[in-house]
Each structure stands twice: as C-alpha cells, then as structure tokens.
C-alpha cells in the first residue's frame, strides 16, 4: 500500500537552493511505496504556512511533515532584514518567539482537526556550523519551541536539529562565522548551480561548509539527515 506524505515548509522544502530531501526520502523506499506532495514556499515564516493549509486538508494524506521556523529563527538575529521580510511576506506583526509558537500551534491544530494524518514536526537544521554561535543557538532555541508545540498538540517530534548537531560534532568542521544570506548571495548560488552547472555540494565544499551551501540551505549531507529523520517517523507506528 502506498503511503501518501505531504511535506510542508519553506525554501528547504521548496528545494531550489537546497538539495531535495523529498527526492532523497523517495529513494529510501521501493518504487511506489511512498507518494510525496511538496508544500514548500521560499521565505515562509510559520505565519505564512498557517495561511496556506487549504490545499493540504482538501486531499488529506496519510502523513504530514512540517519543517518550518528557520526564517523565524533568523529574524531573531542581529543583521537580519526584518522590515524587508515583513513587507515581502506580508507579515501582520514583527516576528517573535511567542508568535512563532502561536502560529505553529495553529498549523498543527488545524491539521489535527481536519485530517486523520500522522503529523511530525521536525526541529530545525542547524544555522551555520559554529555550535556556540548566535545563529546555531537561535536554531536550537526555536527547536525547543517546536518540541513544546509537538507535546502540546500531541504531534510527533522529529529531532533533526539534534541529529545535525551530532553530525557536526563528529565532522569537527572549520569554525566559519555565520553570515546572513543576502538576496545577491542567493542569486549567486542559483547562477552557479543552474547556469554554471556546479552542484550544490561543490559550492558547499568550496566554502568549507559541512551540511549547508550557505549556512542555511542544505547540501546532500544535510538533506540526507532530513530524509533519515522523516523515515524514522514513518517506521514508527505510534508517530
């Protein structure tokens, strides 16, 4: 029997600047074992996701995974262009930890009310690779909030952040300071990848990054961990 999975999220799920974890997840299964639906939108905050659930509940899948909060966490960092993001994503208020939890809770509450799907909330990929840096600490703090929401709304908590921390500690990567992704830098990655045909892993390697292409978006190693964590959820009947 085919398991239908809806993957909800932001640019990490949209997979234009990240290696496609949906593709890697599908490859982990025999042909026809899973059917994946992508609901990823670049730049989304938890608020944006809460506003676009109609298509998900209209044709409820068997499993729903939610990977959201990276942009909410980034908005807590010095140097993030909050006002520009608010205008671009039409946010009705300034991003904050409390509002993130409220919006994520609204997402899970609606999915639980209007579908019978198993719901898994992934903790966030590590921002940057300096584990004691402000960016990594922000992704850790927001991951704790995701765990709280999962407990409150009886959803499965999928420990991606913890798995990536483990991977980074084993890799012992160079201490490269986190740099916020600018629009120009994002376009630069797209040009190198789509026009110059450089793989995202090549871009990542040349920058000395272990799991990401730009401290945020996932290379093959980072995306494989996303697929692995989701697959663990699928193999756990109580998830």
Protein backbone atom coordinates (compact mmCIF):
# COMPACT_ATOMS: atom_id res chain seq x y z
CA UNK A 1 0.00 0.00 0.00
CA UNK A 2 1.32 3.43 -0.96
CA UNK A 3 1.85 5.90 1.88
CA UNK A 4 0.91 9.44 0.89
CA UNK A 5 3.11 12.06 2.53
CA UNK A 6 2.68 15.83 2.46
CA UNK A 7 5.86 17.76 3.25
CA UNK A 8 5.19 21.31 4.46
CA UNK A 9 7.82 24.00 4.86
CA UNK A 10 9.83 26.88 3.46
CA UNK A 11 12.70 27.06 0.95
CA UNK A 12 14.30 23.94 2.43
CA UNK A 13 11.23 22.04 1.24
CA UNK A 14 10.88 24.04 -1.99
CA UNK A 15 14.44 22.85 -2.78
CA UNK A 16 15.75 25.47 -5.19
CA UNK A 17 18.78 26.41 -3.06
CA UNK A 18 18.79 23.14 -1.11
CA UNK A 19 19.31 19.56 -2.15
CA UNK A 20 15.85 18.00 -2.41
CA UNK A 21 15.16 15.95 0.70
CA UNK A 22 11.87 14.72 -0.81
CA UNK A 23 13.84 13.09 -3.59
CA UNK A 24 16.21 11.51 -1.08
CA UNK A 25 13.27 10.31 1.02
CA UNK A 26 11.63 8.69 -2.00
CA UNK A 27 14.89 6.93 -2.88
CA UNK A 28 14.93 5.30 0.55
CA UNK A 29 11.82 3.29 -0.42
CA UNK A 30 10.93 0.78 -3.13
CA UNK A 31 9.14 2.27 -6.16
CA UNK A 32 5.51 3.05 -5.35
CA UNK A 33 5.99 2.67 -1.59
CA UNK A 34 5.53 6.40 -0.93
CA UNK A 35 3.91 9.24 -2.84
CA UNK A 36 5.16 12.69 -1.87
CA UNK A 37 3.46 16.05 -2.17
CA UNK A 38 5.52 19.23 -1.80
CA UNK A 39 4.15 22.28 0.02
CA UNK A 40 7.24 24.47 0.32
CA UNK A 41 7.36 28.23 -0.24
CA UNK A 42 10.54 30.30 -0.26
CA UNK A 43 10.94 32.67 2.67
CA UNK A 44 7.91 31.42 4.59
CA UNK A 45 7.50 32.04 8.28
CA UNK A 46 5.24 29.87 10.42
CA UNK A 47 2.54 32.52 9.94
CA UNK A 48 2.66 32.12 6.15
CA UNK A 49 2.36 28.36 6.43
CA UNK A 50 -0.69 28.72 8.67
CA UNK A 51 -2.39 30.66 5.87
CA UNK A 52 -1.93 28.09 3.12
CA UNK A 53 -3.23 24.81 4.53
CA UNK A 54 -6.36 24.59 2.38
CA UNK A 55 -4.64 22.54 -0.32
CA UNK A 56 -3.33 20.10 2.30
CA UNK A 57 -6.62 19.45 4.06
CA UNK A 58 -8.55 19.32 0.75
CA UNK A 59 -6.88 15.98 -0.04
CA UNK A 60 -5.62 14.67 3.30
CA UNK A 61 -2.51 12.46 3.13
CA UNK A 62 -1.53 9.64 5.46
CA UNK A 63 1.44 11.51 6.93
CA UNK A 64 2.21 15.23 7.21
CA UNK A 65 5.69 16.52 8.00
CA UNK A 66 6.30 20.14 8.96
CA UNK A 67 9.72 21.77 8.65
CA UNK A 68 9.19 25.46 9.41
CA UNK A 69 10.84 28.05 11.63
CA UNK A 70 14.24 28.67 10.06
CA UNK A 71 13.18 32.15 8.92
CA UNK A 72 11.54 32.85 12.29
CA UNK A 73 14.83 31.95 13.99
CA UNK A 74 16.87 34.03 11.54
CA UNK A 75 14.64 37.02 12.27
CA UNK A 76 15.85 36.93 15.87
CA UNK A 77 19.46 37.51 14.80
CA UNK A 78 21.22 40.85 14.55
CA UNK A 79 21.59 41.90 10.94
CA UNK A 80 18.52 40.12 9.63
CA UNK A 81 16.42 42.49 7.44
CA UNK A 82 13.22 42.15 9.46
CA UNK A 83 11.32 45.07 7.92
CA UNK A 84 12.06 43.90 4.39
CA UNK A 85 10.94 40.37 5.24
CA UNK A 86 7.74 41.64 6.84
CA UNK A 87 6.88 43.57 3.69
CA UNK A 88 7.83 40.78 1.29
CA UNK A 89 5.96 38.06 3.21
CA UNK A 90 3.06 40.36 4.29
CA UNK A 91 3.51 39.64 7.98
CA UNK A 92 0.94 41.40 10.19
CA UNK A 93 3.37 41.71 13.09
CA UNK A 94 7.08 41.58 13.83
CA UNK A 95 8.40 38.01 14.11
CA UNK A 96 8.94 36.83 17.67
CA UNK A 97 9.36 33.58 19.56
CA UNK A 98 5.89 33.79 21.07
CA UNK A 99 4.23 34.47 17.73
CA UNK A 100 6.14 31.60 16.14
CA UNK A 101 4.80 29.16 18.72
CA UNK A 102 1.29 30.54 18.32
CA UNK A 103 1.36 30.17 14.52
CA UNK A 104 2.92 26.71 14.59
CA UNK A 105 0.32 25.64 17.12
CA UNK A 106 -2.42 26.91 14.80
CA UNK A 107 -0.93 24.84 11.96
CA UNK A 108 -0.95 21.62 13.98
CA UNK A 109 -4.36 22.31 15.50
CA UNK A 110 -6.00 22.69 12.10
CA UNK A 111 -4.24 19.66 10.63
CA UNK A 112 -5.37 17.54 13.56
CA UNK A 113 -8.96 18.76 13.30
CA UNK A 114 -9.32 18.43 9.53
CA UNK A 115 -7.22 15.35 8.72
CA UNK A 116 -6.52 11.92 10.20
CA UNK A 117 -2.88 12.11 9.18
CA UNK A 118 0.04 11.32 11.41
CA UNK A 119 1.80 14.64 11.97
CA UNK A 120 5.53 15.04 12.52
CA UNK A 121 7.20 18.34 13.45
CA UNK A 122 10.88 18.49 12.56
CA UNK A 123 13.24 20.52 14.69
CA UNK A 124 15.32 22.99 12.71
CA UNK A 125 18.51 22.35 10.79
CA UNK A 126 21.48 23.95 12.49
CA UNK A 127 22.08 27.51 11.32
CA UNK A 128 25.76 27.84 10.48
CA UNK A 129 28.32 25.43 11.90
CA UNK A 130 29.67 27.30 14.92
CA UNK A 131 27.69 25.43 17.57
CA UNK A 132 28.32 28.10 20.19
CA UNK A 133 27.47 30.93 17.78
CA UNK A 134 24.33 33.06 17.90
CA UNK A 135 22.84 31.52 14.74
CA UNK A 136 23.20 27.91 15.90
CA UNK A 137 21.90 28.86 19.32
CA UNK A 138 18.84 30.50 17.73
CA UNK A 139 18.04 27.35 15.76
CA UNK A 140 18.45 25.37 18.99
CA UNK A 141 16.08 27.67 20.91
CA UNK A 142 13.42 27.52 18.21
CA UNK A 143 13.78 23.75 18.04
CA UNK A 144 12.93 23.61 21.73
CA UNK A 145 9.78 25.60 20.98
CA UNK A 146 8.88 23.11 18.26
CA UNK A 147 9.24 20.31 20.79
CA UNK A 148 6.89 22.15 23.14
CA UNK A 149 4.29 22.59 20.40
CA UNK A 150 4.57 18.91 19.47
CA UNK A 151 3.93 17.92 23.08
CA UNK A 152 1.02 20.33 23.49
CA UNK A 153 -0.77 19.20 20.32
CA UNK A 154 0.24 15.52 20.53
CA UNK A 155 2.26 15.50 17.32
CA UNK A 156 5.45 13.52 16.78
CA UNK A 157 8.68 15.42 17.36
CA UNK A 158 11.34 14.61 14.77
CA UNK A 159 14.79 15.53 16.15
CA UNK A 160 16.54 16.87 13.05
CA UNK A 161 18.44 19.56 14.97
CA UNK A 162 19.81 17.02 17.41
CA UNK A 163 20.83 14.70 14.58
CA UNK A 164 22.66 17.51 12.77
CA UNK A 165 24.43 18.58 15.96
CA UNK A 166 25.70 15.03 16.29
CA UNK A 167 26.88 15.03 12.67
CA UNK A 168 28.69 18.35 13.06
CA UNK A 169 30.45 17.27 16.23
CA UNK A 170 31.70 14.13 14.51
CA UNK A 171 32.87 16.13 11.49
CA UNK A 172 34.68 18.74 13.62
CA UNK A 173 34.31 21.37 10.87
CA UNK A 174 36.32 24.57 10.50
CA UNK A 175 34.97 27.44 12.58
CA UNK A 176 33.46 29.59 9.84
CA UNK A 177 31.42 32.56 11.11
CA UNK A 178 27.72 32.61 10.17
CA UNK A 179 26.80 35.16 7.53
CA UNK A 180 23.22 36.12 6.81
CA UNK A 181 22.14 35.28 3.28
CA UNK A 182 21.59 38.39 1.17
CA UNK A 183 19.38 38.40 -1.96
CA UNK A 184 22.51 38.87 -4.07
CA UNK A 185 24.20 35.89 -2.44
CA UNK A 186 21.11 33.75 -3.04
CA UNK A 187 21.08 34.72 -6.71
CA UNK A 188 24.79 33.92 -6.86
CA UNK A 189 24.15 30.36 -5.67
CA UNK A 190 21.35 29.95 -8.23
CA UNK A 191 23.60 31.19 -11.03
CA UNK A 192 26.44 28.86 -10.06
CA UNK A 193 24.04 25.94 -9.76
CA UNK A 194 21.57 26.47 -12.62
CA UNK A 195 23.72 28.35 -15.15
CA UNK A 196 27.28 27.23 -14.45
CA UNK A 197 26.07 23.71 -13.58
CA UNK A 198 28.01 23.48 -10.34
CA UNK A 199 26.49 21.07 -7.87
CA UNK A 200 25.28 22.39 -4.53
CA UNK A 201 27.77 20.05 -2.90
CA UNK A 202 30.62 21.63 -4.87
CA UNK A 203 29.51 25.09 -3.77
CA UNK A 204 29.28 23.84 -0.19
CA UNK A 205 32.71 22.17 -0.25
CA UNK A 206 34.46 25.23 -1.66
CA UNK A 207 33.07 27.26 1.24
CA UNK A 208 34.18 24.74 3.85
CA UNK A 209 30.61 24.00 4.92
CA UNK A 210 29.63 20.53 6.10
CA UNK A 211 25.82 20.44 5.93
CA UNK A 212 24.80 23.58 4.04
CA UNK A 213 25.52 25.57 0.89
CA UNK A 214 25.28 28.96 2.60
CA UNK A 215 24.88 28.33 6.37
CA UNK A 216 21.10 27.86 5.82
CA UNK A 217 20.18 25.71 2.80
CA UNK A 218 21.07 22.03 2.81
CA UNK A 219 23.68 20.19 0.80
CA UNK A 220 23.36 16.43 0.16
CA UNK A 221 24.68 15.56 3.61
CA UNK A 222 22.26 17.90 5.37
CA UNK A 223 19.28 16.90 3.23
CA UNK A 224 20.03 13.21 3.78
CA UNK A 225 19.63 13.78 7.52
CA UNK A 226 16.21 15.37 6.91
CA UNK A 227 15.14 12.31 4.91
CA UNK A 228 16.57 9.98 7.56
CA UNK A 229 14.67 11.63 10.40
CA UNK A 230 11.40 11.58 8.45
CA UNK A 231 11.94 7.94 7.52
CA UNK A 232 12.35 7.09 11.19
CA UNK A 233 8.94 8.66 11.80
CA UNK A 234 7.40 6.55 9.02
CA UNK A 235 8.78 3.35 10.52
CA UNK A 236 7.36 4.15 13.97
CA UNK A 237 3.68 3.13 14.17
CA UNK A 238 2.94 5.41 17.12
CA UNK A 239 4.33 8.52 15.38
